Amino acid sequence: MATTLVIAGYYGFGNWGDEAALAVLIRYLREALPHARIIVLSHDPAQTARLHSTEAISRWNLFEVRRALARASGFLLGPGGLLQDVTSARSLLYYVGLVRLAQHYHLPTYLIGQGIGPLRSQRSERWVAKALQRARLVLVRDRASFEWAKAHDARVLLGEDLAMLSPLPNLTLTLPACGEGTGEVRGAGGEGQSLGLSLRPGLSPHTKEALRRALRTLSADFELVFLPFQANQDLTALKELALPITVVEARCPSDLLWAMQRVDIVLGMRLHSLVFASLCRVPFCALSYDPKIESFVHRIAEVGGPSLSWWRATEALDERALTEQIYELHSQRAQLQERLHQARTALQASAHESLSEAIRLIASDLGVR
């Protein structure tokens, strides 16, 4: 029987950051296990099959999920911030339940590219701890997750966000490769200076109003370009600002990476907006709705990059400080790009080393040399 791997995560929802990280994982698996069959559990199997050229089944069809696991050789909980209960306890229970179901079928299980937490209840902590302890390997993307997993006796490896290993599309192309389908990337920055903006729900009313005033001021000198990392959520946050902002129409991660390379500065609230900015050497500042945002900003400085600013999305925002920071980032853009290049090199080396180690273990467990 051919080697079959089942991968689960937050896929098929149009979240281009998580899809970028999944694409990296699939690429590494195919290099190490070229004959393996890969099946992804997805909210939108057709979209997943198009993006990743792999098999996909509905994550909601329990019969299909059970049948896939019963015939599989291994199970991977793929990249993303899945092990948290802030979104909902039901979401956490779904992913922990999949790990337990895979283990019920005696499959080796691997948690790859994970961010752990926040976990608000002791029950959630127990669920996650058991899932980690029974896994063959847990590869995490930040030190806080590493320390948590280690403290709960998991076999854990520290890595980076896998999206840092995404290939950059060629800027000379009018349209990056997104698999099948047609479309156009519009509003990706042009002549003059541009400010890329990534928002999601979670801004406090005071922060929202201060941000609106700051962006109105900045629009006198910058073209404002909105980068939706999950359009069905992010565009709601944009509409609440009630400002004329050009929106990038992205159909895949490459579209956003292509657009990201064409902006000068980024103000990001999504984690992967900061990851993509770092990948493209675009100076950024951040609005934090989750500790993972602050963790990534600190990580950039830790590996030799610049010390970049961030503000809490739920607290009062100093619009003057934000505006001044954007202008300062632009004035120092050339120097910051050099520092970001240094940080990118370090993060990519770390991501490659840790992911390669995880893939070697998977190949060894499955008897592939």
Protein backbone atom coordinates (compact mmCIF):
# COMPACT_ATOMS: atom_id res chain seq x y z
CA MET A 1 0.00 0.00 0.00
CA ALA A 2 1.31 3.45 -0.90
CA THR A 3 2.35 5.79 1.88
CA THR A 4 -0.60 8.08 2.65
CA LEU A 5 -0.45 11.19 4.81
CA VAL A 6 -3.51 13.05 6.03
CA ILE A 7 -3.03 16.75 6.87
CA ALA A 8 -5.54 18.80 8.87
CA GLY A 9 -5.65 22.47 9.74
CA TYR A 10 -7.45 25.73 9.01
CA TYR A 11 -7.47 25.18 5.25
CA GLY A 12 -9.98 26.04 2.56
CA PHE A 13 -11.17 29.17 4.37
CA GLY A 14 -9.24 31.64 2.19
CA ASN A 15 -6.70 32.39 4.93
CA TRP A 16 -3.68 33.03 2.71
CA GLY A 17 -1.13 33.01 5.54
CA ASP A 18 -2.05 29.51 6.66
CA GLU A 19 -2.29 28.36 3.02
CA ALA A 20 1.25 29.66 2.41
CA ALA A 21 2.56 27.68 5.38
CA LEU A 22 0.71 24.56 4.19
CA ALA A 23 2.24 24.94 0.72
CA VAL A 24 5.71 24.92 2.27
CA LEU A 25 4.93 21.79 4.30
CA ILE A 26 3.59 19.97 1.23
CA ARG A 27 6.66 20.97 -0.80
CA TYR A 28 9.04 19.56 1.81
CA LEU A 29 7.00 16.37 2.16
CA ARG A 30 7.03 15.80 -1.59
CA GLU A 31 10.78 16.28 -1.75
CA ALA A 32 11.34 13.68 0.98
CA LEU A 33 8.44 11.36 0.08
CA PRO A 34 7.94 11.79 -3.68
CA HIS A 35 5.59 8.83 -4.00
CA ALA A 36 3.43 9.58 -0.98
CA ARG A 37 -0.26 10.26 -1.33
CA ILE A 38 -1.24 13.48 0.47
CA ILE A 39 -4.83 14.16 1.53
CA VAL A 40 -5.79 17.53 3.04
CA LEU A 41 -8.91 18.04 5.16
CA SER A 42 -10.44 21.27 3.91
CA HIS A 43 -13.44 23.54 4.28
CA ASP A 44 -13.32 23.95 0.49
CA PRO A 45 -11.75 20.83 -1.09
CA ALA A 46 -11.91 22.26 -4.61
CA GLN A 47 -9.96 25.36 -3.56
CA THR A 48 -7.39 23.25 -1.71
CA ALA A 49 -6.93 20.91 -4.67
CA ARG A 50 -6.42 23.93 -6.96
CA LEU A 51 -3.95 25.69 -4.68
CA HIS A 52 -1.84 22.72 -3.66
CA SER A 53 -2.33 20.16 -6.45
CA THR A 54 -3.20 17.53 -3.87
CA GLU A 55 -6.17 15.44 -2.87
CA ALA A 56 -8.64 17.10 -0.53
CA ILE A 57 -11.77 16.01 1.30
CA SER A 58 -14.32 17.93 3.37
CA ARG A 59 -13.21 18.45 6.95
CA TRP A 60 -16.89 18.31 7.94
CA ASN A 61 -17.62 14.88 6.43
CA LEU A 62 -16.85 12.59 9.36
CA PHE A 63 -17.39 9.45 7.26
CA GLU A 64 -14.79 10.58 4.69
CA VAL A 65 -12.39 11.71 7.42
CA ARG A 66 -12.63 8.36 9.23
CA ARG A 67 -12.13 6.44 5.99
CA ALA A 68 -9.06 8.50 5.09
CA LEU A 69 -7.51 8.00 8.54
CA ALA A 70 -8.30 4.28 8.54
CA ARG A 71 -6.25 3.89 5.34
CA ALA A 72 -3.49 6.37 6.17
CA SER A 73 0.13 5.84 7.15
CA GLY A 74 0.43 8.99 9.25
CA PHE A 75 -1.43 12.11 10.40
CA LEU A 76 -0.17 15.70 10.49
CA LEU A 77 -1.81 18.62 12.23
CA GLY A 78 -0.46 21.26 9.89
CA PRO A 79 0.74 24.84 10.33
CA GLY A 80 -1.36 27.45 12.08
CA GLY A 81 -2.54 28.78 15.42
CA LEU A 82 -4.88 25.84 15.97
CA LEU A 83 -4.24 24.95 19.60
CA GLN A 84 -6.03 27.86 21.27
CA ASP A 85 -9.48 28.43 22.70
CA VAL A 86 -9.83 32.18 22.09
CA THR A 87 -11.59 31.62 18.76
CA SER A 88 -13.79 28.99 20.44
CA ALA A 89 -13.47 25.87 22.56
CA ARG A 90 -15.27 24.01 19.77
CA SER A 91 -12.49 24.80 17.33
CA LEU A 92 -9.87 23.49 19.76
CA LEU A 93 -11.92 20.38 20.46
CA TYR A 94 -12.17 19.71 16.72
CA TYR A 95 -8.40 19.67 16.23
CA VAL A 96 -7.64 17.76 19.43
CA GLY A 97 -10.39 15.32 18.45
CA LEU A 98 -8.72 14.72 15.08
CA VAL A 99 -5.41 13.97 16.80
CA ARG A 100 -7.15 11.49 19.11
CA LEU A 101 -9.02 9.91 16.21
CA ALA A 102 -5.76 9.43 14.30
CA GLN A 103 -4.20 7.86 17.36
CA HIS A 104 -7.26 5.60 17.68
CA TYR A 105 -6.25 4.22 14.29
CA HIS A 106 -2.68 3.78 15.64
CA LEU A 107 -1.27 6.39 13.27
CA PRO A 108 1.94 8.21 14.11
CA THR A 109 0.89 11.83 14.63
CA TYR A 110 2.93 14.95 14.06
CA LEU A 111 2.05 18.54 14.96
CA ILE A 112 3.95 20.74 12.52
CA GLY A 113 4.34 24.55 12.51
CA GLN A 114 2.13 25.03 15.56
CA GLY A 115 1.51 28.05 17.73
CA ILE A 116 0.16 27.02 21.14
CA GLY A 117 -2.26 29.23 23.03
CA PRO A 118 -3.73 31.35 24.36
CA LEU A 119 -5.51 28.70 26.44
CA ARG A 120 -8.03 30.25 28.82
CA SER A 121 -9.21 27.19 30.74
CA GLN A 122 -7.54 24.31 32.56
CA ARG A 123 -9.69 21.91 30.55
CA SER A 124 -8.25 23.30 27.32
CA GLU A 125 -4.74 22.97 28.72
CA ARG A 126 -5.39 19.31 29.57
CA TRP A 127 -6.72 18.61 26.08
CA VAL A 128 -3.70 20.14 24.40
CA ALA A 129 -1.18 18.60 26.80
CA LYS A 130 -2.51 15.09 26.12
CA ALA A 131 -2.47 15.65 22.37
CA LEU A 132 1.14 16.84 22.51
CA GLN A 133 2.31 14.05 24.80
CA ARG A 134 0.95 11.36 22.47
CA ALA A 135 2.44 12.89 19.32
CA ARG A 136 5.64 11.60 17.74
CA LEU A 137 6.87 15.17 17.32
CA VAL A 138 5.65 18.71 17.90
CA LEU A 139 7.32 21.42 15.80
CA VAL A 140 6.37 24.88 17.08
CA ARG A 141 6.86 28.32 15.55
CA ASP A 142 7.74 30.42 18.64
CA ARG A 143 9.61 30.12 21.93
CA ALA A 144 6.56 30.58 24.17
CA SER A 145 4.93 27.56 22.50
CA PHE A 146 8.19 25.64 22.83
CA GLU A 147 8.42 26.32 26.57
CA TRP A 148 4.78 25.37 27.09
CA ALA A 149 5.13 22.10 25.18
CA LYS A 150 8.39 21.26 26.91
CA ALA A 151 6.86 21.91 30.34
CA HIS A 152 4.09 19.45 29.44
CA ASP A 153 6.51 16.65 28.48
CA ALA A 154 6.05 16.78 24.71
CA ARG A 155 8.72 15.79 22.22
CA VAL A 156 9.11 19.32 20.92
CA LEU A 157 11.28 21.08 18.37
CA LEU A 158 11.59 24.87 18.06
CA GLY A 159 11.23 26.32 14.57
CA GLU A 160 9.73 29.34 12.81
CA ASP A 161 6.54 30.13 10.95
CA LEU A 162 6.74 27.96 7.84
CA ALA A 163 5.47 30.80 5.64
CA MET A 164 8.99 32.28 5.95
CA LEU A 165 10.03 29.61 3.43
CA SER A 166 7.52 30.75 0.78
CA PRO A 167 9.08 31.56 -2.61
CA LEU A 168 8.74 35.16 -3.75
CA PRO A 169 6.88 35.66 -7.05
CA ASN A 170 8.59 37.43 -9.90
CA LEU A 171 7.67 41.13 -9.76
CA THR A 172 8.04 41.46 -13.53
CA LEU A 173 5.01 39.22 -13.98
CA THR A 174 1.65 40.91 -14.34
CA LEU A 175 -0.03 37.95 -12.64
CA PRO A 176 1.67 35.44 -10.32
CA ALA A 177 0.97 31.74 -10.68
CA CYS A 178 -2.04 30.72 -8.58
CA GLY A 179 -2.96 27.41 -10.09
CA GLU A 180 -6.09 27.25 -12.21
CA GLY A 181 -8.43 30.17 -12.60
CA THR A 182 -8.13 33.69 -13.83
CA GLY A 183 -8.11 37.03 -12.13
CA GLU A 184 -6.21 40.23 -11.65
CA VAL A 185 -4.18 41.63 -8.78
CA ARG A 186 -5.33 45.21 -8.56
CA GLY A 187 -4.40 47.96 -6.16
CA ALA A 188 -0.96 46.62 -5.34
CA GLY A 189 0.84 49.92 -5.13
CA GLY A 190 2.19 51.88 -8.05
CA GLU A 191 3.98 55.15 -8.60
CA GLY A 192 4.81 57.12 -5.46
CA GLN A 193 4.98 55.80 -1.93
CA SER A 194 2.44 53.36 -0.54
CA LEU A 195 1.37 52.04 2.86
CA GLY A 196 0.15 48.46 3.02
CA LEU A 197 -2.55 47.86 5.60
CA SER A 198 -3.59 44.52 7.10
CA LEU A 199 -6.50 44.49 9.55
CA ARG A 200 -8.82 41.90 11.03
CA PRO A 201 -11.71 42.13 13.51
CA GLY A 202 -10.60 42.91 17.05
CA LEU A 203 -9.92 46.65 17.12
CA SER A 204 -11.41 48.50 20.07
CA PRO A 205 -13.72 51.43 19.20
CA HIS A 206 -11.14 53.94 20.47
CA THR A 207 -8.36 52.30 18.46
CA LYS A 208 -10.54 52.21 15.37
CA GLU A 209 -11.27 55.92 15.57
CA ALA A 210 -7.65 56.86 16.23
CA LEU A 211 -6.54 54.65 13.34
CA ARG A 212 -9.08 56.30 11.04
CA ARG A 213 -7.68 59.74 11.88
CA ALA A 214 -4.07 58.57 11.48
CA LEU A 215 -4.75 56.99 8.09
CA ARG A 216 -6.58 60.09 6.91
CA THR A 217 -3.44 62.10 7.72
CA LEU A 218 -1.12 59.55 6.11
CA SER A 219 -3.21 59.40 2.93
CA ALA A 220 -1.90 62.86 2.03
CA ASP A 221 1.53 61.30 1.40
CA PHE A 222 0.89 57.56 0.93
CA GLU A 223 -1.35 55.53 -1.30
CA LEU A 224 -3.24 53.30 1.15
CA VAL A 225 -3.34 49.66 -0.03
CA PHE A 226 -5.39 47.08 1.84
CA LEU A 227 -3.96 43.54 1.95
CA PRO A 228 -6.71 41.08 2.96
CA PHE A 229 -5.27 37.89 4.41
CA GLN A 230 -8.76 36.46 4.94
CA ALA A 231 -11.12 38.58 2.93
CA ASN A 232 -14.42 37.45 4.47
CA GLN A 233 -13.19 38.73 7.86
CA ASP A 234 -10.71 41.47 7.02
CA LEU A 235 -12.93 43.42 4.63
CA THR A 236 -15.43 43.86 7.47
CA ALA A 237 -12.75 45.60 9.52
CA LEU A 238 -11.87 47.77 6.52
CA LYS A 239 -15.47 48.85 5.95
CA GLU A 240 -15.71 50.03 9.56
CA LEU A 241 -12.96 52.58 8.86
CA ALA A 242 -15.06 54.18 6.11
CA LEU A 243 -12.00 55.44 4.21
CA PRO A 244 -11.16 55.31 0.49
CA ILE A 245 -8.52 52.55 0.42
CA THR A 246 -7.48 50.48 -2.59
CA VAL A 247 -8.04 46.75 -1.98
CA VAL A 248 -5.83 43.98 -3.36
CA GLU A 249 -7.96 41.21 -4.82
CA ALA A 250 -5.95 38.11 -3.90
CA ARG A 251 -6.75 34.56 -5.01
CA CYS A 252 -3.77 32.86 -3.38
CA PRO A 253 -0.71 33.58 -1.20
CA SER A 254 1.42 34.49 -4.22
CA ASP A 255 -0.93 37.34 -5.05
CA LEU A 256 -0.38 38.87 -1.62
CA LEU A 257 3.38 38.31 -1.74
CA TRP A 258 3.46 39.97 -5.16
CA ALA A 259 1.49 42.94 -3.80
CA MET A 260 3.55 43.07 -0.60
CA GLN A 261 6.74 43.60 -2.63
CA ARG A 262 5.14 46.68 -4.20
CA VAL A 263 4.38 48.61 -0.99
CA ASP A 264 6.90 50.66 0.97
CA ILE A 265 5.68 50.25 4.54
CA VAL A 266 3.22 47.88 6.23
CA LEU A 267 0.94 48.40 9.20
CA GLY A 268 -0.09 44.88 10.08
CA MET A 269 -2.51 43.23 12.45
CA ARG A 270 -2.44 39.74 10.93
CA LEU A 271 0.60 37.68 11.94
CA HIS A 272 1.24 36.63 8.36
CA SER A 273 1.17 40.23 7.17
CA LEU A 274 4.29 40.69 9.32
CA VAL A 275 5.79 37.41 8.13
CA PHE A 276 5.19 38.37 4.49
CA ALA A 277 6.59 41.86 5.10
CA SER A 278 9.75 40.34 6.60
CA LEU A 279 10.01 37.95 3.69
CA CYS A 280 9.76 40.88 1.26
CA ARG A 281 12.06 43.12 3.38
CA VAL A 282 9.30 45.70 3.87
CA PRO A 283 9.59 47.72 7.11
CA PHE A 284 6.50 47.36 9.30
CA CYS A 285 4.82 48.24 12.57
CA ALA A 286 2.10 46.17 14.18
CA LEU A 287 -1.25 46.23 15.93
CA SER A 288 -1.33 43.28 18.34
CA TYR A 289 -4.51 41.38 19.14
CA ASP A 290 -2.64 38.23 20.25
CA PRO A 291 0.71 37.49 21.96
CA LYS A 292 1.95 35.85 18.74
CA ILE A 293 2.18 39.32 17.15
CA GLU A 294 4.45 40.66 19.87
CA SER A 295 6.45 37.44 19.83
CA PHE A 296 7.19 37.78 16.13
CA VAL A 297 8.20 41.45 16.43
CA HIS A 298 10.63 40.52 19.22
CA ARG A 299 11.91 37.57 17.18
CA ILE A 300 12.84 39.88 14.30
CA ALA A 301 15.05 41.94 16.65
CA GLU A 302 16.46 38.79 18.26
CA VAL A 303 17.91 37.52 14.98
CA GLY A 304 19.56 40.80 14.02
CA GLY A 305 16.66 42.68 12.50
CA PRO A 306 15.42 46.12 13.54
CA SER A 307 13.47 46.81 16.72
CA LEU A 308 10.03 47.59 15.34
CA SER A 309 7.04 49.19 17.06
CA TRP A 310 3.75 47.62 17.99
CA TRP A 311 0.58 48.76 19.77
CA ARG A 312 -2.19 46.74 21.40
CA ALA A 313 -5.29 46.63 19.22
CA THR A 314 -7.58 46.63 22.25
CA GLU A 315 -6.09 49.70 23.94
CA ALA A 316 -6.20 53.40 23.14
CA LEU A 317 -3.97 54.15 20.17
CA ASP A 318 -1.75 57.22 20.05
CA GLU A 319 -2.48 58.39 16.53
CA ARG A 320 0.34 60.92 16.58
CA ALA A 321 2.89 58.28 17.61
CA LEU A 322 1.62 55.92 14.91
CA THR A 323 1.76 58.59 12.22
CA GLU A 324 5.27 59.65 13.21
CA GLN A 325 6.39 56.02 13.24
CA ILE A 326 5.17 55.45 9.69
CA TYR A 327 7.04 58.52 8.44
CA GLU A 328 10.17 57.45 10.33
CA LEU A 329 10.04 53.95 8.87
CA HIS A 330 9.79 55.44 5.40
CA SER A 331 12.70 57.82 5.96
CA GLN A 332 14.89 54.93 7.16
CA ARG A 333 13.57 52.42 4.63
CA ALA A 334 16.87 51.59 2.95
CA GLN A 335 18.69 50.86 6.22
CA LEU A 336 15.74 48.88 7.59
CA GLN A 337 15.63 46.75 4.46
CA GLU A 338 19.24 45.71 5.05
CA ARG A 339 18.43 44.72 8.64
CA LEU A 340 15.34 42.85 7.51
CA HIS A 341 17.41 41.00 4.94
CA GLN A 342 19.67 39.82 7.78
CA ALA A 343 16.66 38.75 9.83
CA ARG A 344 15.07 36.96 6.88
CA THR A 345 18.25 34.97 6.25
CA ALA A 346 18.41 33.86 9.88
CA LEU A 347 14.71 32.97 10.12
CA GLN A 348 14.74 31.02 6.87
CA ALA A 349 17.80 29.05 7.94
CA SER A 350 16.14 28.19 11.25
CA ALA A 351 12.84 27.28 9.57
CA HIS A 352 14.57 25.08 7.01
CA GLU A 353 16.69 23.27 9.58
CA SER A 354 13.84 22.50 11.97
CA LEU A 355 11.33 21.51 9.27
CA SER A 356 13.92 19.29 7.57
CA GLU A 357 14.57 17.55 10.89
CA ALA A 358 10.84 16.96 11.35
CA ILE A 359 10.46 15.61 7.81
CA ARG A 360 13.41 13.25 8.32
CA LEU A 361 11.67 11.79 11.38
CA ILE A 362 8.44 11.34 9.45
CA ALA A 363 10.27 9.62 6.60
CA SER A 364 12.12 7.37 9.05
CA ASP A 365 8.89 6.43 10.86
CA LEU A 366 7.28 5.52 7.55
CA GLY A 367 10.27 3.45 6.46
CA VAL A 368 11.24 5.77 3.60
CA ARG A 369 14.95 6.24 2.97
